[in-house]
Amino acid sequence: MSDLPGSAADLLPLLTRAERLLSRRVGGVLAAESLTIEAWRVLCLLADGLGHPMSEVATAASLPPGTLTKLVDQLVDRNLVFRRIDPADRRRIRAYLTDRGRREHERLSARIHADLAGLGVPGDVDLAGQLGDLIGRLAAERRRTPA
């Protein structure tokens, strides 16, 4: 813990615990659909309709490339995702949601929001904004700092 109460360093254990509890709760909703949190992360990223390179999907889902490939294969088998060669760089593969995948994402998103609705507190929007700001600052710092 840091010397300054409420500093970013103090957030790590709190965010870790919150993420685990929230993942467990959302995972319960997804388990009824035979989906995992990792699969949900992939569907959420692809829901923007832009298609994403597999390397970007792996980063967003926090999965190593081999594990992501197996997961995407499963989503392809379920007709939720499809892959295409990137037209700008033919060495890359981009993943997209199928029409069925988009409908399933919308349906599951509604179920998850309904399940979590009772947890809402007035500061949730502020918290989400603050977390987004923190992520932006940390990502910018990471880009400036050599590995």
C-alpha atoms as a PDB file:
ATOM      1  CA  MET A   1       0.000   0.000   0.000  1.00  0.00           C
ATOM      2  CA  SER A   2       1.196   3.522  -0.618  1.00  0.00           C
ATOM      3  CA  ASP A   3       1.719   6.315   1.860  1.00  0.00           C
ATOM      4  CA  LEU A   4      -1.092   8.278   0.217  1.00  0.00           C
ATOM      5  CA  PRO A   5      -4.518   6.860   1.052  1.00  0.00           C
ATOM      6  CA  GLY A   6      -6.666   6.506  -2.031  1.00  0.00           C
ATOM      7  CA  SER A   7      -3.740   6.559  -4.453  1.00  0.00           C
ATOM      8  CA  ALA A   8      -3.620   4.444  -7.601  1.00  0.00           C
ATOM      9  CA  ALA A   9      -1.362   1.928  -5.804  1.00  0.00           C
ATOM     10  CA  ASP A  10      -4.162   1.183  -3.343  1.00  0.00           C
ATOM     11  CA  LEU A  11      -6.501   0.284  -6.193  1.00  0.00           C
ATOM     12  CA  LEU A  12      -4.795  -2.948  -7.221  1.00  0.00           C
ATOM     13  CA  PRO A  13      -6.218  -5.236  -4.516  1.00  0.00           C
ATOM     14  CA  LEU A  14      -9.626  -3.566  -4.723  1.00  0.00           C
ATOM     15  CA  LEU A  15      -9.845  -3.815  -8.505  1.00  0.00           C
ATOM     16  CA  THR A  16      -8.603  -7.405  -8.436  1.00  0.00           C
ATOM     17  CA  ARG A  17     -11.262  -8.423  -5.910  1.00  0.00           C
ATOM     18  CA  ALA A  18     -14.011  -6.525  -7.763  1.00  0.00           C
ATOM     19  CA  GLU A  19     -13.002  -8.092 -11.100  1.00  0.00           C
ATOM     20  CA  ARG A  20     -13.031 -11.602  -9.635  1.00  0.00           C
ATOM     21  CA  LEU A  21     -16.426 -11.164  -8.003  1.00  0.00           C
ATOM     22  CA  LEU A  22     -17.938  -9.551 -11.093  1.00  0.00           C
ATOM     23  CA  SER A  23     -16.453 -12.248 -13.345  1.00  0.00           C
ATOM     24  CA  ARG A  24     -17.944 -14.934 -11.116  1.00  0.00           C
ATOM     25  CA  ARG A  25     -21.367 -13.264 -11.297  1.00  0.00           C
ATOM     26  CA  VAL A  26     -21.290 -12.732 -15.076  1.00  0.00           C
ATOM     27  CA  GLY A  27     -19.782 -16.198 -15.506  1.00  0.00           C
ATOM     28  CA  GLY A  28     -22.885 -17.654 -13.885  1.00  0.00           C
ATOM     29  CA  VAL A  29     -25.091 -16.052 -16.524  1.00  0.00           C
ATOM     30  CA  LEU A  30     -22.761 -17.161 -19.317  1.00  0.00           C
ATOM     31  CA  ALA A  31     -22.431 -20.729 -18.022  1.00  0.00           C
ATOM     32  CA  ALA A  32     -26.124 -21.287 -18.764  1.00  0.00           C
ATOM     33  CA  GLU A  33     -25.223 -20.512 -22.392  1.00  0.00           C
ATOM     34  CA  SER A  34     -22.064 -22.681 -22.349  1.00  0.00           C
ATOM     35  CA  LEU A  35     -19.859 -19.605 -22.711  1.00  0.00           C
ATOM     36  CA  THR A  36     -16.865 -18.464 -20.689  1.00  0.00           C
ATOM     37  CA  ILE A  37     -15.797 -15.022 -19.565  1.00  0.00           C
ATOM     38  CA  GLU A  38     -13.009 -15.170 -22.144  1.00  0.00           C
ATOM     39  CA  ALA A  39     -15.512 -15.935 -24.910  1.00  0.00           C
ATOM     40  CA  TRP A  40     -17.663 -13.042 -23.681  1.00  0.00           C
ATOM     41  CA  ARG A  41     -14.668 -10.691 -23.871  1.00  0.00           C
ATOM     42  CA  VAL A  42     -14.117 -11.746 -27.477  1.00  0.00           C
ATOM     43  CA  LEU A  43     -17.787 -11.239 -28.375  1.00  0.00           C
ATOM     44  CA  CYS A  44     -17.818  -7.812 -26.703  1.00  0.00           C
ATOM     45  CA  LEU A  45     -14.733  -6.654 -28.604  1.00  0.00           C
ATOM     46  CA  LEU A  46     -16.108  -7.881 -31.926  1.00  0.00           C
ATOM     47  CA  ALA A  47     -19.533  -6.337 -31.290  1.00  0.00           C
ATOM     48  CA  ASP A  48     -18.286  -2.999 -32.645  1.00  0.00           C
ATOM     49  CA  GLY A  49     -18.543  -4.527 -36.140  1.00  0.00           C
ATOM     50  CA  LEU A  50     -15.088  -3.372 -37.213  1.00  0.00           C
ATOM     51  CA  GLY A  51     -13.363  -6.737 -37.151  1.00  0.00           C
ATOM     52  CA  HIS A  52     -10.137  -7.035 -35.221  1.00  0.00           C
ATOM     53  CA  PRO A  53      -6.777  -8.695 -35.854  1.00  0.00           C
ATOM     54  CA  MET A  54      -6.335 -11.865 -33.838  1.00  0.00           C
ATOM     55  CA  SER A  55      -3.379 -10.310 -31.971  1.00  0.00           C
ATOM     56  CA  GLU A  56      -5.635  -7.486 -30.790  1.00  0.00           C
ATOM     57  CA  VAL A  57      -8.345  -9.962 -29.783  1.00  0.00           C
ATOM     58  CA  ALA A  58      -5.774 -11.960 -27.781  1.00  0.00           C
ATOM     59  CA  THR A  59      -4.698  -8.826 -25.919  1.00  0.00           C
ATOM     60  CA  ALA A  60      -8.268  -7.715 -25.212  1.00  0.00           C
ATOM     61  CA  ALA A  61      -9.261 -11.184 -23.990  1.00  0.00           C
ATOM     62  CA  SER A  62      -6.039 -11.545 -21.947  1.00  0.00           C
ATOM     63  CA  LEU A  63      -5.267 -14.844 -23.650  1.00  0.00           C
ATOM     64  CA  PRO A  64      -2.123 -16.252 -25.241  1.00  0.00           C
ATOM     65  CA  PRO A  65      -2.438 -16.615 -29.040  1.00  0.00           C
ATOM     66  CA  GLY A  66      -2.733 -20.425 -29.013  1.00  0.00           C
ATOM     67  CA  THR A  67      -5.516 -20.389 -26.437  1.00  0.00           C
ATOM     68  CA  LEU A  68      -7.321 -17.643 -28.341  1.00  0.00           C
ATOM     69  CA  THR A  69      -7.142 -19.658 -31.558  1.00  0.00           C
ATOM     70  CA  LYS A  70      -8.850 -22.617 -29.845  1.00  0.00           C
ATOM     71  CA  LEU A  71     -11.492 -20.328 -28.340  1.00  0.00           C
ATOM     72  CA  VAL A  72     -12.197 -18.619 -31.670  1.00  0.00           C
ATOM     73  CA  ASP A  73     -12.383 -22.052 -33.337  1.00  0.00           C
ATOM     74  CA  GLN A  74     -15.137 -22.943 -30.839  1.00  0.00           C
ATOM     75  CA  LEU A  75     -16.962 -19.674 -31.531  1.00  0.00           C
ATOM     76  CA  VAL A  76     -16.667 -20.320 -35.281  1.00  0.00           C
ATOM     77  CA  ASP A  77     -18.118 -23.816 -34.747  1.00  0.00           C
ATOM     78  CA  ARG A  78     -21.073 -22.206 -32.950  1.00  0.00           C
ATOM     79  CA  ASN A  79     -21.526 -19.760 -35.854  1.00  0.00           C
ATOM     80  CA  LEU A  80     -20.895 -16.758 -33.599  1.00  0.00           C
ATOM     81  CA  VAL A  81     -17.620 -15.586 -35.174  1.00  0.00           C
ATOM     82  CA  PHE A  82     -15.954 -15.769 -38.566  1.00  0.00           C
ATOM     83  CA  ARG A  83     -12.417 -14.987 -39.725  1.00  0.00           C
ATOM     84  CA  ARG A  84     -11.199 -13.300 -42.876  1.00  0.00           C
ATOM     85  CA  ILE A  85      -7.830 -12.286 -44.267  1.00  0.00           C
ATOM     86  CA  ASP A  86      -7.146  -8.621 -43.532  1.00  0.00           C
ATOM     87  CA  PRO A  87      -7.515  -6.734 -46.845  1.00  0.00           C
ATOM     88  CA  ALA A  88      -4.860  -4.206 -45.800  1.00  0.00           C
ATOM     89  CA  ASP A  89      -2.309  -6.817 -44.689  1.00  0.00           C
ATOM     90  CA  ARG A  90      -2.842 -10.262 -46.159  1.00  0.00           C
ATOM     91  CA  ARG A  91      -0.554 -11.800 -43.503  1.00  0.00           C
ATOM     92  CA  ARG A  92      -3.110 -10.981 -40.785  1.00  0.00           C
ATOM     93  CA  ILE A  93      -6.437 -12.560 -39.932  1.00  0.00           C
ATOM     94  CA  ARG A  94      -9.348 -10.454 -38.681  1.00  0.00           C
ATOM     95  CA  ALA A  95     -12.236 -11.799 -36.600  1.00  0.00           C
ATOM     96  CA  TYR A  96     -15.843 -10.595 -36.892  1.00  0.00           C
ATOM     97  CA  LEU A  97     -19.190 -11.462 -35.350  1.00  0.00           C
ATOM     98  CA  THR A  98     -21.636 -13.320 -37.546  1.00  0.00           C
ATOM     99  CA  ASP A  99     -25.230 -12.106 -37.677  1.00  0.00           C
ATOM    100  CA  ARG A 100     -26.065 -14.846 -35.197  1.00  0.00           C
ATOM    101  CA  GLY A 101     -23.139 -13.755 -33.035  1.00  0.00           C
ATOM    102  CA  ARG A 102     -24.431 -10.183 -33.002  1.00  0.00           C
ATOM    103  CA  ARG A 103     -27.914 -11.332 -31.967  1.00  0.00           C
ATOM    104  CA  GLU A 104     -26.464 -13.575 -29.246  1.00  0.00           C
ATOM    105  CA  HIS A 105     -24.262 -10.747 -27.977  1.00  0.00           C
ATOM    106  CA  GLU A 106     -27.252  -8.409 -27.753  1.00  0.00           C
ATOM    107  CA  ARG A 107     -29.383 -11.047 -26.017  1.00  0.00           C
ATOM    108  CA  LEU A 108     -26.668 -11.997 -23.525  1.00  0.00           C
ATOM    109  CA  SER A 109     -25.783  -8.361 -22.890  1.00  0.00           C
ATOM    110  CA  ALA A 110     -29.403  -7.713 -21.925  1.00  0.00           C
ATOM    111  CA  ARG A 111     -29.392 -10.761 -19.603  1.00  0.00           C
ATOM    112  CA  ILE A 112     -26.149  -9.682 -17.955  1.00  0.00           C
ATOM    113  CA  HIS A 113     -27.364  -6.104 -17.496  1.00  0.00           C
ATOM    114  CA  ALA A 114     -30.609  -7.383 -15.978  1.00  0.00           C
ATOM    115  CA  ASP A 115     -28.705  -9.691 -13.626  1.00  0.00           C
ATOM    116  CA  LEU A 116     -26.428  -6.869 -12.478  1.00  0.00           C
ATOM    117  CA  ALA A 117     -29.131  -4.174 -12.301  1.00  0.00           C
ATOM    118  CA  GLY A 118     -29.674  -4.723  -8.587  1.00  0.00           C
ATOM    119  CA  LEU A 119     -26.017  -3.953  -7.864  1.00  0.00           C
ATOM    120  CA  GLY A 120     -26.146  -0.458  -9.323  1.00  0.00           C
ATOM    121  CA  VAL A 121     -25.319   2.526  -7.187  1.00  0.00           C
ATOM    122  CA  PRO A 122     -25.545   6.190  -8.169  1.00  0.00           C
ATOM    123  CA  GLY A 123     -21.756   6.493  -8.580  1.00  0.00           C
ATOM    124  CA  ASP A 124     -21.368   3.643 -11.100  1.00  0.00           C
ATOM    125  CA  VAL A 125     -21.230   5.984 -14.105  1.00  0.00           C
ATOM    126  CA  ASP A 126     -18.617   8.115 -12.359  1.00  0.00           C
ATOM    127  CA  LEU A 127     -16.646   5.014 -11.387  1.00  0.00           C
ATOM    128  CA  ALA A 128     -16.674   3.718 -14.958  1.00  0.00           C
ATOM    129  CA  GLY A 129     -15.450   7.096 -16.205  1.00  0.00           C
ATOM    130  CA  GLN A 130     -12.709   7.233 -13.596  1.00  0.00           C
ATOM    131  CA  LEU A 131     -11.581   3.694 -14.415  1.00  0.00           C
ATOM    132  CA  GLY A 132     -11.528   4.581 -18.109  1.00  0.00           C
ATOM    133  CA  ASP A 133      -9.392   7.626 -17.324  1.00  0.00           C
ATOM    134  CA  LEU A 134      -7.010   5.529 -15.205  1.00  0.00           C
ATOM    135  CA  ILE A 135      -6.694   2.931 -17.985  1.00  0.00           C
ATOM    136  CA  GLY A 136      -5.911   5.701 -20.464  1.00  0.00           C
ATOM    137  CA  ARG A 137      -3.220   7.183 -18.225  1.00  0.00           C
ATOM    138  CA  LEU A 138      -1.652   3.796 -17.498  1.00  0.00           C
ATOM    139  CA  ALA A 139      -1.679   2.831 -21.188  1.00  0.00           C
ATOM    140  CA  ALA A 140      -0.093   6.151 -22.163  1.00  0.00           C
ATOM    141  CA  GLU A 141       2.582   5.716 -19.490  1.00  0.00           C
ATOM    142  CA  ARG A 142       3.254   2.171 -20.692  1.00  0.00           C
ATOM    143  CA  ARG A 143       3.832   3.437 -24.244  1.00  0.00           C
ATOM    144  CA  ARG A 144       6.329   6.037 -22.961  1.00  0.00           C
ATOM    145  CA  THR A 145       8.245   3.630 -20.741  1.00  0.00           C
ATOM    146  CA  PRO A 146      10.707   1.278 -22.480  1.00  0.00           C
ATOM    147  CA  ALA A 147      10.166  -2.405 -21.713  1.00  0.00           C
END
